[in-house]
PDB file of all heavy atoms in Angstrom:
ATOM      1  N   SER A   1      -7.570   5.336 -15.525  1.00  0.00           N
ATOM      2  CA  SER A   1      -7.231   5.734 -16.890  1.00  0.00           C
ATOM      3  C   SER A   1      -5.782   5.331 -17.118  1.00  0.00           C
ATOM      4  O   SER A   1      -5.406   4.242 -16.727  1.00  0.00           O
ATOM      5  CB  SER A   1      -7.458   7.231 -17.062  1.00  0.00           C
ATOM      6  OG  SER A   1      -6.625   7.960 -16.174  1.00  0.00           O
ATOM      7  N   ALA A   2      -5.002   6.188 -17.680  1.00  0.00           N
ATOM      8  CA  ALA A   2      -3.588   5.861 -17.938  1.00  0.00           C
ATOM      9  C   ALA A   2      -2.765   5.829 -16.671  1.00  0.00           C
ATOM     10  O   ALA A   2      -1.594   5.493 -16.691  1.00  0.00           O
ATOM     11  CB  ALA A   2      -3.011   6.873 -18.911  1.00  0.00           C
ATOM     12  N   GLN A   3      -3.377   6.165 -15.536  1.00  0.00           N
ATOM     13  CA  GLN A   3      -2.658   6.231 -14.251  1.00  0.00           C
ATOM     14  C   GLN A   3      -3.015   5.009 -13.407  1.00  0.00           C
ATOM     15  O   GLN A   3      -4.167   4.593 -13.365  1.00  0.00           O
ATOM     16  CB  GLN A   3      -3.063   7.483 -13.501  1.00  0.00           C
ATOM     17  CG  GLN A   3      -3.003   8.753 -14.309  1.00  0.00           C
ATOM     18  CD  GLN A   3      -1.620   9.048 -14.821  1.00  0.00           C
ATOM     19  OE1 GLN A   3      -0.629   8.719 -14.189  1.00  0.00           O
ATOM     20  NE2 GLN A   3      -1.525   9.689 -15.985  1.00  0.00           N
ATOM     21  N   ALA A   4      -2.042   4.476 -12.716  1.00  0.00           N
ATOM     22  CA  ALA A   4      -2.295   3.387 -11.772  1.00  0.00           C
ATOM     23  C   ALA A   4      -2.757   3.985 -10.442  1.00  0.00           C
ATOM     24  O   ALA A   4      -2.603   5.175 -10.201  1.00  0.00           O
ATOM     25  CB  ALA A   4      -1.016   2.581 -11.546  1.00  0.00           C
ATOM     26  N   ALA A   5      -3.340   3.147  -9.609  1.00  0.00           N
ATOM     27  CA  ALA A   5      -3.812   3.590  -8.290  1.00  0.00           C
ATOM     28  C   ALA A   5      -3.498   2.531  -7.252  1.00  0.00           C
ATOM     29  O   ALA A   5      -3.377   1.352  -7.556  1.00  0.00           O
ATOM     30  CB  ALA A   5      -5.326   3.843  -8.310  1.00  0.00           C
ATOM     31  N   THR A   6      -3.378   2.966  -5.999  1.00  0.00           N
ATOM     32  CA  THR A   6      -3.209   2.065  -4.863  1.00  0.00           C
ATOM     33  C   THR A   6      -4.540   1.994  -4.157  1.00  0.00           C
ATOM     34  O   THR A   6      -5.186   3.016  -3.923  1.00  0.00           O
ATOM     35  CB  THR A   6      -2.122   2.594  -3.911  1.00  0.00           C
ATOM     36  OG1 THR A   6      -0.898   2.683  -4.626  1.00  0.00           O
ATOM     37  CG2 THR A   6      -1.976   1.671  -2.726  1.00  0.00           C
ATOM     38  N   ILE A   7      -4.966   0.783  -3.815  1.00  0.00           N
ATOM     39  CA  ILE A   7      -6.199   0.584  -3.074  1.00  0.00           C
ATOM     40  C   ILE A   7      -5.785  -0.023  -1.728  1.00  0.00           C
ATOM     41  O   ILE A   7      -5.109  -1.065  -1.686  1.00  0.00           O
ATOM     42  CB  ILE A   7      -7.163  -0.318  -3.843  1.00  0.00           C
ATOM     43  CG1 ILE A   7      -7.466   0.329  -5.203  1.00  0.00           C
ATOM     44  CG2 ILE A   7      -8.467  -0.502  -3.044  1.00  0.00           C
ATOM     45  CD1 ILE A   7      -8.125  -0.589  -6.186  1.00  0.00           C
ATOM     46  N   THR A   8      -6.212   0.614  -0.671  1.00  0.00           N
ATOM     47  CA  THR A   8      -5.789   0.199   0.668  1.00  0.00           C
ATOM     48  C   THR A   8      -6.937   0.332   1.649  1.00  0.00           C
ATOM     49  O   THR A   8      -7.990   0.870   1.307  1.00  0.00           O
ATOM     50  CB  THR A   8      -4.566   1.024   1.110  1.00  0.00           C
ATOM     51  OG1 THR A   8      -4.022   0.462   2.287  1.00  0.00           O
ATOM     52  CG2 THR A   8      -4.903   2.480   1.324  1.00  0.00           C
ATOM     53  N   THR A   9      -6.741  -0.167   2.863  1.00  0.00           N
ATOM     54  CA  THR A   9      -7.727   0.016   3.923  1.00  0.00           C
ATOM     55  C   THR A   9      -7.062   0.758   5.076  1.00  0.00           C
ATOM     56  O   THR A   9      -5.841   0.726   5.229  1.00  0.00           O
ATOM     57  CB  THR A   9      -8.232  -1.341   4.458  1.00  0.00           C
ATOM     58  OG1 THR A   9      -7.144  -2.075   4.994  1.00  0.00           O
ATOM     59  CG2 THR A   9      -8.916  -2.150   3.381  1.00  0.00           C
ATOM     60  N   ALA A  10      -7.872   1.410   5.877  1.00  0.00           N
ATOM     61  CA  ALA A  10      -7.363   2.082   7.061  1.00  0.00           C
ATOM     62  C   ALA A  10      -6.870   1.006   8.044  1.00  0.00           C
ATOM     63  O   ALA A  10      -5.701   0.970   8.378  1.00  0.00           O
ATOM     64  CB  ALA A  10      -8.426   2.972   7.686  1.00  0.00           C
ATOM     65  N   THR A  11      -7.771   0.151   8.483  1.00  0.00           N
ATOM     66  CA  THR A  11      -7.392  -0.958   9.378  1.00  0.00           C
ATOM     67  C   THR A  11      -8.119  -2.257   9.034  1.00  0.00           C
ATOM     68  O   THR A  11      -7.744  -3.296   9.561  1.00  0.00           O
ATOM     69  CB  THR A  11      -7.679  -0.624  10.866  1.00  0.00           C
ATOM     70  OG1 THR A  11      -9.074  -0.373  11.010  1.00  0.00           O
ATOM     71  CG2 THR A  11      -6.886   0.572  11.324  1.00  0.00           C
ATOM     72  N   ASP A  12      -9.120  -2.198   8.192  1.00  0.00           N
ATOM     73  CA  ASP A  12      -9.852  -3.411   7.823  1.00  0.00           C
ATOM     74  C   ASP A  12      -8.968  -4.324   6.974  1.00  0.00           C
ATOM     75  O   ASP A  12      -7.878  -3.951   6.535  1.00  0.00           O
ATOM     76  CB  ASP A  12     -11.123  -3.053   7.032  1.00  0.00           C
ATOM     77  CG  ASP A  12     -12.180  -2.390   7.910  1.00  0.00           C
ATOM     78  OD1 ASP A  12     -11.982  -2.266   9.144  1.00  0.00           O
ATOM     79  OD2 ASP A  12     -13.215  -1.971   7.350  1.00  0.00           O
ATOM     80  N   THR A  13      -9.441  -5.537   6.701  1.00  0.00           N
ATOM     81  CA  THR A  13      -8.709  -6.507   5.922  1.00  0.00           C
ATOM     82  C   THR A  13      -9.161  -6.462   4.464  1.00  0.00           C
ATOM     83  O   THR A  13     -10.357  -6.501   4.191  1.00  0.00           O
ATOM     84  CB  THR A  13      -8.926  -7.926   6.486  1.00  0.00           C
ATOM     85  OG1 THR A  13      -8.510  -7.931   7.859  1.00  0.00           O
ATOM     86  CG2 THR A  13      -8.159  -8.969   5.728  1.00  0.00           C
ATOM     87  N   LEU A  14      -8.208  -6.393   3.532  1.00  0.00           N
ATOM     88  CA  LEU A  14      -8.482  -6.416   2.102  1.00  0.00           C
ATOM     89  C   LEU A  14      -7.872  -7.684   1.515  1.00  0.00           C
ATOM     90  O   LEU A  14      -6.656  -7.882   1.588  1.00  0.00           O
ATOM     91  CB  LEU A  14      -7.891  -5.169   1.423  1.00  0.00           C
ATOM     92  CG  LEU A  14      -8.123  -5.047  -0.080  1.00  0.00           C
ATOM     93  CD1 LEU A  14      -9.631  -4.943  -0.395  1.00  0.00           C
ATOM     94  CD2 LEU A  14      -7.391  -3.818  -0.624  1.00  0.00           C
ATOM     95  N   ILE A  15      -8.725  -8.557   0.968  1.00  0.00           N
ATOM     96  CA  ILE A  15      -8.315  -9.864   0.464  1.00  0.00           C
ATOM     97  C   ILE A  15      -8.430  -9.872  -1.060  1.00  0.00           C
ATOM     98  O   ILE A  15      -9.454  -9.485  -1.616  1.00  0.00           O
ATOM     99  CB  ILE A  15      -9.182 -10.988   1.049  1.00  0.00           C
ATOM    100  CG1 ILE A  15      -9.073 -10.998   2.583  1.00  0.00           C
ATOM    101  CG2 ILE A  15      -8.816 -12.352   0.472  1.00  0.00           C
ATOM    102  CD1 ILE A  15     -10.064 -11.899   3.278  1.00  0.00           C
ATOM    103  N   LEU A  16      -7.383 -10.355  -1.723  1.00  0.00           N
ATOM    104  CA  LEU A  16      -7.408 -10.484  -3.180  1.00  0.00           C
ATOM    105  C   LEU A  16      -8.187 -11.747  -3.544  1.00  0.00           C
ATOM    106  O   LEU A  16      -7.782 -12.865  -3.199  1.00  0.00           O
ATOM    107  CB  LEU A  16      -5.976 -10.555  -3.737  1.00  0.00           C
ATOM    108  CG  LEU A  16      -5.836 -10.691  -5.249  1.00  0.00           C
ATOM    109  CD1 LEU A  16      -6.516  -9.531  -5.975  1.00  0.00           C
ATOM    110  CD2 LEU A  16      -4.367 -10.792  -5.623  1.00  0.00           C
ATOM    111  N   GLY A  17      -9.324 -11.547  -4.191  1.00  0.00           N
ATOM    112  CA  GLY A  17     -10.196 -12.656  -4.570  1.00  0.00           C
ATOM    113  C   GLY A  17      -9.482 -13.659  -5.474  1.00  0.00           C
ATOM    114  O   GLY A  17      -8.707 -13.284  -6.340  1.00  0.00           O
ATOM    115  N   GLY A  18      -9.729 -14.946  -5.251  1.00  0.00           N
ATOM    116  CA  GLY A  18      -9.141 -16.001  -6.050  1.00  0.00           C
ATOM    117  C   GLY A  18      -7.729 -16.371  -5.650  1.00  0.00           C
ATOM    118  O   GLY A  18      -7.189 -17.372  -6.103  1.00  0.00           O
ATOM    119  N   VAL A  19      -7.107 -15.559  -4.791  1.00  0.00           N
ATOM    120  CA  VAL A  19      -5.734 -15.794  -4.360  1.00  0.00           C
ATOM    121  C   VAL A  19      -5.663 -15.930  -2.851  1.00  0.00           C
ATOM    122  O   VAL A  19      -5.012 -16.801  -2.319  1.00  0.00           O
ATOM    123  CB  VAL A  19      -4.774 -14.666  -4.849  1.00  0.00           C
ATOM    124  CG1 VAL A  19      -3.356 -14.907  -4.400  1.00  0.00           C
ATOM    125  CG2 VAL A  19      -4.854 -14.548  -6.381  1.00  0.00           C
ATOM    126  N   GLY A  20      -6.327 -15.007  -2.154  1.00  0.00           N
ATOM    127  CA  GLY A  20      -6.374 -15.067  -0.701  1.00  0.00           C
ATOM    128  C   GLY A  20      -5.333 -14.239   0.021  1.00  0.00           C
ATOM    129  O   GLY A  20      -5.324 -14.200   1.242  1.00  0.00           O
ATOM    130  N   THR A  21      -4.446 -13.592  -0.724  1.00  0.00           N
ATOM    131  CA  THR A  21      -3.459 -12.770  -0.049  1.00  0.00           C
ATOM    132  C   THR A  21      -4.090 -11.495   0.482  1.00  0.00           C
ATOM    133  O   THR A  21      -5.082 -10.999  -0.049  1.00  0.00           O
ATOM    134  CB  THR A  21      -2.272 -12.413  -0.988  1.00  0.00           C
ATOM    135  OG1 THR A  21      -2.793 -11.826  -2.165  1.00  0.00           O
ATOM    136  CG2 THR A  21      -1.479 -13.643  -1.361  1.00  0.00           C
ATOM    137  N   VAL A  22      -3.539 -10.967   1.561  1.00  0.00           N
ATOM    138  CA  VAL A  22      -4.098  -9.843   2.288  1.00  0.00           C
ATOM    139  C   VAL A  22      -3.181  -8.633   2.143  1.00  0.00           C
ATOM    140  O   VAL A  22      -1.952  -8.763   2.202  1.00  0.00           O
ATOM    141  CB  VAL A  22      -4.278 -10.196   3.773  1.00  0.00           C
ATOM    142  CG1 VAL A  22      -4.729  -8.996   4.588  1.00  0.00           C
ATOM    143  CG2 VAL A  22      -5.238 -11.357   3.916  1.00  0.00           C
ATOM    144  N   GLY A  23      -3.769  -7.446   1.982  1.00  0.00           N
ATOM    145  CA  GLY A  23      -2.987  -6.216   1.988  1.00  0.00           C
ATOM    146  C   GLY A  23      -3.397  -5.274   0.878  1.00  0.00           C
ATOM    147  O   GLY A  23      -4.300  -5.557   0.090  1.00  0.00           O
ATOM    148  N   SER A  24      -2.726  -4.157   0.828  1.00  0.00           N
ATOM    149  CA  SER A  24      -2.981  -3.146  -0.198  1.00  0.00           C
ATOM    150  C   SER A  24      -2.736  -3.712  -1.577  1.00  0.00           C
ATOM    151  O   SER A  24      -1.915  -4.628  -1.747  1.00  0.00           O
ATOM    152  CB  SER A  24      -2.074  -1.933   0.022  1.00  0.00           C
ATOM    153  OG  SER A  24      -2.366  -1.312   1.241  1.00  0.00           O
ATOM    154  N   ARG A  25      -3.404  -3.139  -2.579  1.00  0.00           N
ATOM    155  CA  ARG A  25      -3.295  -3.615  -3.943  1.00  0.00           C
ATOM    156  C   ARG A  25      -3.006  -2.451  -4.878  1.00  0.00           C
ATOM    157  O   ARG A  25      -3.383  -1.308  -4.591  1.00  0.00           O
ATOM    158  CB  ARG A  25      -4.601  -4.277  -4.397  1.00  0.00           C
ATOM    159  CG  ARG A  25      -4.916  -5.512  -3.640  1.00  0.00           C
ATOM    160  CD  ARG A  25      -3.987  -6.631  -4.034  1.00  0.00           C
ATOM    161  NE  ARG A  25      -3.898  -7.582  -2.930  1.00  0.00           N
ATOM    162  CZ  ARG A  25      -2.859  -8.341  -2.722  1.00  0.00           C
ATOM    163  NH1 ARG A  25      -1.826  -8.290  -3.508  1.00  0.00           N
ATOM    164  NH2 ARG A  25      -2.841  -9.162  -1.708  1.00  0.00           N
ATOM    165  N   THR A  26      -2.402  -2.773  -6.012  1.00  0.00           N
ATOM    166  CA  THR A  26      -2.197  -1.801  -7.074  1.00  0.00           C
ATOM    167  C   THR A  26      -3.168  -2.132  -8.190  1.00  0.00           C
ATOM    168  O   THR A  26      -3.292  -3.311  -8.575  1.00  0.00           O
ATOM    169  CB  THR A  26      -0.753  -1.846  -7.606  1.00  0.00           C
ATOM    170  OG1 THR A  26       0.130  -1.499  -6.536  1.00  0.00           O
ATOM    171  CG2 THR A  26      -0.541  -0.858  -8.758  1.00  0.00           C
ATOM    172  N   LEU A  27      -3.843  -1.128  -8.702  1.00  0.00           N
ATOM    173  CA  LEU A  27      -4.697  -1.287  -9.880  1.00  0.00           C
ATOM    174  C   LEU A  27      -3.972  -0.574 -11.008  1.00  0.00           C
ATOM    175  O   LEU A  27      -3.794   0.650 -10.980  1.00  0.00           O
ATOM    176  CB  LEU A  27      -6.073  -0.671  -9.628  1.00  0.00           C
ATOM    177  CG  LEU A  27      -7.071  -0.775 -10.785  1.00  0.00           C
ATOM    178  CD1 LEU A  27      -7.297  -2.236 -11.196  1.00  0.00           C
ATOM    179  CD2 LEU A  27      -8.389  -0.122 -10.388  1.00  0.00           C
ATOM    180  N   GLY A  28      -3.499  -1.336 -11.987  1.00  0.00           N
ATOM    181  CA  GLY A  28      -2.691  -0.800 -13.061  1.00  0.00           C
ATOM    182  C   GLY A  28      -3.482   0.099 -14.005  1.00  0.00           C
ATOM    183  O   GLY A  28      -4.720   0.220 -13.912  1.00  0.00           O
ATOM    184  N   SER A  29      -2.745   0.715 -14.920  1.00  0.00           N
ATOM    185  CA  SER A  29      -3.354   1.600 -15.932  1.00  0.00           C
ATOM    186  C   SER A  29      -4.442   0.834 -16.683  1.00  0.00           C
ATOM    187  O   SER A  29      -4.285  -0.331 -17.031  1.00  0.00           O
ATOM    188  CB  SER A  29      -2.271   2.053 -16.906  1.00  0.00           C
ATOM    189  OG  SER A  29      -1.281   2.764 -16.246  1.00  0.00           O
ATOM    190  N   TYR A  30      -5.541   1.528 -16.935  1.00  0.00           N
ATOM    191  CA  TYR A  30      -6.704   0.999 -17.661  1.00  0.00           C
ATOM    192  C   TYR A  30      -7.279  -0.234 -16.987  1.00  0.00           C
ATOM    193  O   TYR A  30      -7.832  -1.102 -17.632  1.00  0.00           O
ATOM    194  CB  TYR A  30      -6.344   0.714 -19.117  1.00  0.00           C
ATOM    195  CG  TYR A  30      -5.750   1.934 -19.811  1.00  0.00           C
ATOM    196  CD1 TYR A  30      -4.404   2.007 -20.075  1.00  0.00           C
ATOM    197  CD2 TYR A  30      -6.559   3.012 -20.116  1.00  0.00           C
ATOM    198  CE1 TYR A  30      -3.848   3.128 -20.653  1.00  0.00           C
ATOM    199  CE2 TYR A  30      -6.015   4.151 -20.699  1.00  0.00           C
ATOM    200  CZ  TYR A  30      -4.658   4.209 -20.984  1.00  0.00           C
ATOM    201  OH  TYR A  30      -4.141   5.334 -21.539  1.00  0.00           O
ATOM    202  N   GLY A  31      -7.159  -0.296 -15.655  1.00  0.00           N
ATOM    203  CA  GLY A  31      -7.680  -1.408 -14.899  1.00  0.00           C
ATOM    204  C   GLY A  31      -9.096  -1.158 -14.405  1.00  0.00           C
ATOM    205  O   GLY A  31      -9.588  -0.027 -14.378  1.00  0.00           O
ATOM    206  N   MET A  32      -9.750  -2.252 -14.026  1.00  0.00           N
ATOM    207  CA  MET A  32     -11.101  -2.195 -13.461  1.00  0.00           C
ATOM    208  C   MET A  32     -11.172  -3.170 -12.301  1.00  0.00           C
ATOM    209  O   MET A  32     -10.831  -4.340 -12.457  1.00  0.00           O
ATOM    210  CB  MET A  32     -12.156  -2.578 -14.515  1.00  0.00           C
ATOM    211  CG  MET A  32     -12.230  -1.623 -15.672  1.00  0.00           C
ATOM    212  SD  MET A  32     -13.337  -2.175 -16.986  1.00  0.00           S
ATOM    213  CE  MET A  32     -14.862  -2.392 -16.103  1.00  0.00           C
ATOM    214  N   ALA A  33     -11.572  -2.677 -11.139  1.00  0.00           N
ATOM    215  CA  ALA A  33     -11.651  -3.533  -9.954  1.00  0.00           C
ATOM    216  C   ALA A  33     -12.947  -3.284  -9.206  1.00  0.00           C
ATOM    217  O   ALA A  33     -13.519  -2.194  -9.270  1.00  0.00           O
ATOM    218  CB  ALA A  33     -10.474  -3.252  -9.031  1.00  0.00           C
ATOM    219  N   THR A  34     -13.386  -4.290  -8.493  1.00  0.00           N
ATOM    220  CA  THR A  34     -14.529  -4.207  -7.624  1.00  0.00           C
ATOM    221  C   THR A  34     -14.078  -4.540  -6.216  1.00  0.00           C
ATOM    222  O   THR A  34     -13.364  -5.531  -5.995  1.00  0.00           O
ATOM    223  CB  THR A  34     -15.634  -5.183  -8.061  1.00  0.00           C
ATOM    224  OG1 THR A  34     -16.036  -4.839  -9.390  1.00  0.00           O
ATOM    225  CG2 THR A  34     -16.828  -5.136  -7.127  1.00  0.00           C
ATOM    226  N   VAL A  35     -14.482  -3.708  -5.238  1.00  0.00           N
ATOM    227  CA  VAL A  35     -14.284  -4.042  -3.829  1.00  0.00           C
ATOM    228  C   VAL A  35     -15.663  -4.313  -3.226  1.00  0.00           C
ATOM    229  O   VAL A  35     -16.617  -3.600  -3.515  1.00  0.00           O
ATOM    230  CB  VAL A  35     -13.537  -2.948  -3.043  1.00  0.00           C
ATOM    231  CG1 VAL A  35     -12.097  -2.831  -3.526  1.00  0.00           C
ATOM    232  CG2 VAL A  35     -14.221  -1.618  -3.128  1.00  0.00           C
ATOM    233  N   MET A  36     -15.754  -5.366  -2.427  1.00  0.00           N
ATOM    234  CA  MET A  36     -17.022  -5.743  -1.793  1.00  0.00           C
ATOM    235  C   MET A  36     -16.780  -6.055  -0.327  1.00  0.00           C
ATOM    236  O   MET A  36     -15.866  -6.814   0.010  1.00  0.00           O
ATOM    237  CB  MET A  36     -17.627  -6.965  -2.473  1.00  0.00           C
ATOM    238  CG  MET A  36     -18.894  -7.452  -1.773  1.00  0.00           C
ATOM    239  SD  MET A  36     -19.539  -8.981  -2.483  1.00  0.00           S
ATOM    240  CE  MET A  36     -20.248  -8.364  -3.991  1.00  0.00           C
ATOM    241  N   LYS A  37     -17.628  -5.474   0.501  1.00  0.00           N
ATOM    242  CA  LYS A  37     -17.543  -5.741   1.940  1.00  0.00           C
ATOM    243  C   LYS A  37     -18.301  -7.014   2.230  1.00  0.00           C
ATOM    244  O   LYS A  37     -19.490  -7.140   1.967  1.00  0.00           O
ATOM    245  CB  LYS A  37     -18.142  -4.570   2.723  1.00  0.00           C
ATOM    246  CG  LYS A  37     -17.906  -4.665   4.191  1.00  0.00           C
ATOM    247  CD  LYS A  37     -18.307  -3.394   4.899  1.00  0.00           C
ATOM    248  CE  LYS A  37     -17.869  -3.393   6.356  1.00  0.00           C
ATOM    249  NZ  LYS A  37     -18.190  -2.120   7.007  1.00  0.00           N
ATOM    250  N   VAL A  38     -17.592  -8.007   2.819  1.00  0.00           N
ATOM    251  CA  VAL A  38     -18.205  -9.327   3.087  1.00  0.00           C
ATOM    252  C   VAL A  38     -18.420  -9.598   4.567  1.00  0.00           C
ATOM    253  O   VAL A  38     -19.115 -10.558   4.914  1.00  0.00           O
ATOM    254  CB  VAL A  38     -17.360 -10.474   2.454  1.00  0.00           C
ATOM    255  CG1 VAL A  38     -17.319 -10.309   0.931  1.00  0.00           C
ATOM    256  CG2 VAL A  38     -15.968 -10.504   3.050  1.00  0.00           C
ATOM    257  N   ALA A  39     -17.845  -8.779   5.414  1.00  0.00           N
ATOM    258  CA  ALA A  39     -18.000  -8.893   6.882  1.00  0.00           C
ATOM    259  C   ALA A  39     -17.678  -7.499   7.446  1.00  0.00           C
ATOM    260  O   ALA A  39     -17.155  -6.649   6.719  1.00  0.00           O
ATOM    261  CB  ALA A  39     -17.055  -9.943   7.452  1.00  0.00           C
ATOM    262  N   PRO A  40     -17.989  -7.250   8.694  1.00  0.00           N
ATOM    263  CA  PRO A  40     -17.828  -5.883   9.222  1.00  0.00           C
ATOM    264  C   PRO A  40     -16.430  -5.266   9.002  1.00  0.00           C
ATOM    265  O   PRO A  40     -16.334  -4.058   8.801  1.00  0.00           O
ATOM    266  CB  PRO A  40     -18.108  -6.044  10.709  1.00  0.00           C
ATOM    267  CG  PRO A  40     -19.128  -7.139  10.746  1.00  0.00           C
ATOM    268  CD  PRO A  40     -18.654  -8.120   9.688  1.00  0.00           C
ATOM    269  N   THR A  41     -15.384  -6.071   9.016  1.00  0.00           N
ATOM    270  CA  THR A  41     -14.036  -5.508   8.802  1.00  0.00           C
ATOM    271  C   THR A  41     -13.277  -6.237   7.696  1.00  0.00           C
ATOM    272  O   THR A  41     -12.043  -6.211   7.666  1.00  0.00           O
ATOM    273  CB  THR A  41     -13.212  -5.528  10.108  1.00  0.00           C
ATOM    274  OG1 THR A  41     -13.085  -6.881  10.537  1.00  0.00           O
ATOM    275  CG2 THR A  41     -13.862  -4.692  11.192  1.00  0.00           C
ATOM    276  N   THR A  42     -13.997  -6.863   6.773  1.00  0.00           N
ATOM    277  CA  THR A  42     -13.348  -7.625   5.694  1.00  0.00           C
ATOM    278  C   THR A  42     -13.907  -7.248   4.337  1.00  0.00           C
ATOM    279  O   THR A  42     -15.127  -7.227   4.138  1.00  0.00           O
ATOM    280  CB  THR A  42     -13.544  -9.149   5.901  1.00  0.00           C
ATOM    281  OG1 THR A  42     -13.064  -9.485   7.214  1.00  0.00           O
ATOM    282  CG2 THR A  42     -12.802  -9.947   4.872  1.00  0.00           C
ATOM    283  N   TRP A  43     -12.989  -6.971   3.425  1.00  0.00           N
ATOM    284  CA  TRP A  43     -13.311  -6.607   2.035  1.00  0.00           C
ATOM    285  C   TRP A  43     -12.585  -7.537   1.092  1.00  0.00           C
ATOM    286  O   TRP A  43     -11.482  -7.979   1.389  1.00  0.00           O
ATOM    287  CB  TRP A  43     -12.841  -5.167   1.751  1.00  0.00           C
ATOM    288  CG  TRP A  43     -13.606  -4.120   2.462  1.00  0.00           C
ATOM    289  CD1 TRP A  43     -13.453  -3.765   3.784  1.00  0.00           C
ATOM    290  CD2 TRP A  43     -14.605  -3.282   1.927  1.00  0.00           C
ATOM    291  NE1 TRP A  43     -14.323  -2.745   4.085  1.00  0.00           N
ATOM    292  CE2 TRP A  43     -15.028  -2.419   2.965  1.00  0.00           C
ATOM    293  CE3 TRP A  43     -15.185  -3.130   0.679  1.00  0.00           C
ATOM    294  CZ2 TRP A  43     -16.005  -1.448   2.780  1.00  0.00           C
ATOM    295  CZ3 TRP A  43     -16.151  -2.163   0.491  1.00  0.00           C
ATOM    296  CH2 TRP A  43     -16.567  -1.333   1.533  1.00  0.00           C
ATOM    297  N   TYR A  44     -13.218  -7.821  -0.054  1.00  0.00           N
ATOM    298  CA  TYR A  44     -12.562  -8.556  -1.137  1.00  0.00           C
ATOM    299  C   TYR A  44     -12.368  -7.585  -2.301  1.00  0.00           C
ATOM    300  O   TYR A  44     -13.165  -6.667  -2.500  1.00  0.00           O
ATOM    301  CB  TYR A  44     -13.445  -9.712  -1.616  1.00  0.00           C
ATOM    302  CG  TYR A  44     -13.198 -10.998  -0.886  1.00  0.00           C
ATOM    303  CD1 TYR A  44     -13.540 -11.147   0.456  1.00  0.00           C
ATOM    304  CD2 TYR A  44     -12.629 -12.086  -1.532  1.00  0.00           C
ATOM    305  CE1 TYR A  44     -13.321 -12.314   1.133  1.00  0.00           C
ATOM    306  CE2 TYR A  44     -12.414 -13.282  -0.856  1.00  0.00           C
ATOM    307  CZ  TYR A  44     -12.755 -13.384   0.465  1.00  0.00           C
ATOM    308  OH  TYR A  44     -12.537 -14.563   1.133  1.00  0.00           O
ATOM    309  N   ILE A  45     -11.317  -7.817  -3.070  1.00  0.00           N
ATOM    310  CA  ILE A  45     -11.054  -7.046  -4.273  1.00  0.00           C
ATOM    311  C   ILE A  45     -10.740  -8.023  -5.407  1.00  0.00           C
ATOM    312  O   ILE A  45     -10.068  -9.039  -5.205  1.00  0.00           O
ATOM    313  CB  ILE A  45      -9.909  -6.034  -4.099  1.00  0.00           C
ATOM    314  CG1 ILE A  45      -9.716  -5.193  -5.349  1.00  0.00           C
ATOM    315  CG2 ILE A  45      -8.611  -6.725  -3.672  1.00  0.00           C
ATOM    316  CD1 ILE A  45      -8.788  -4.020  -5.177  1.00  0.00           C
TER     317      ILE A  45
END
């Protein structure tokens, strides 16, 4: 909603789709994101 959020992993890998950078992400106010598990320890956002 009007609040931003941090999306992170405990130890798995989180990859920003279309860019390829790895790590925690910020989802800004009024944002919409999808996370998908593509391998046992790999997620895309």
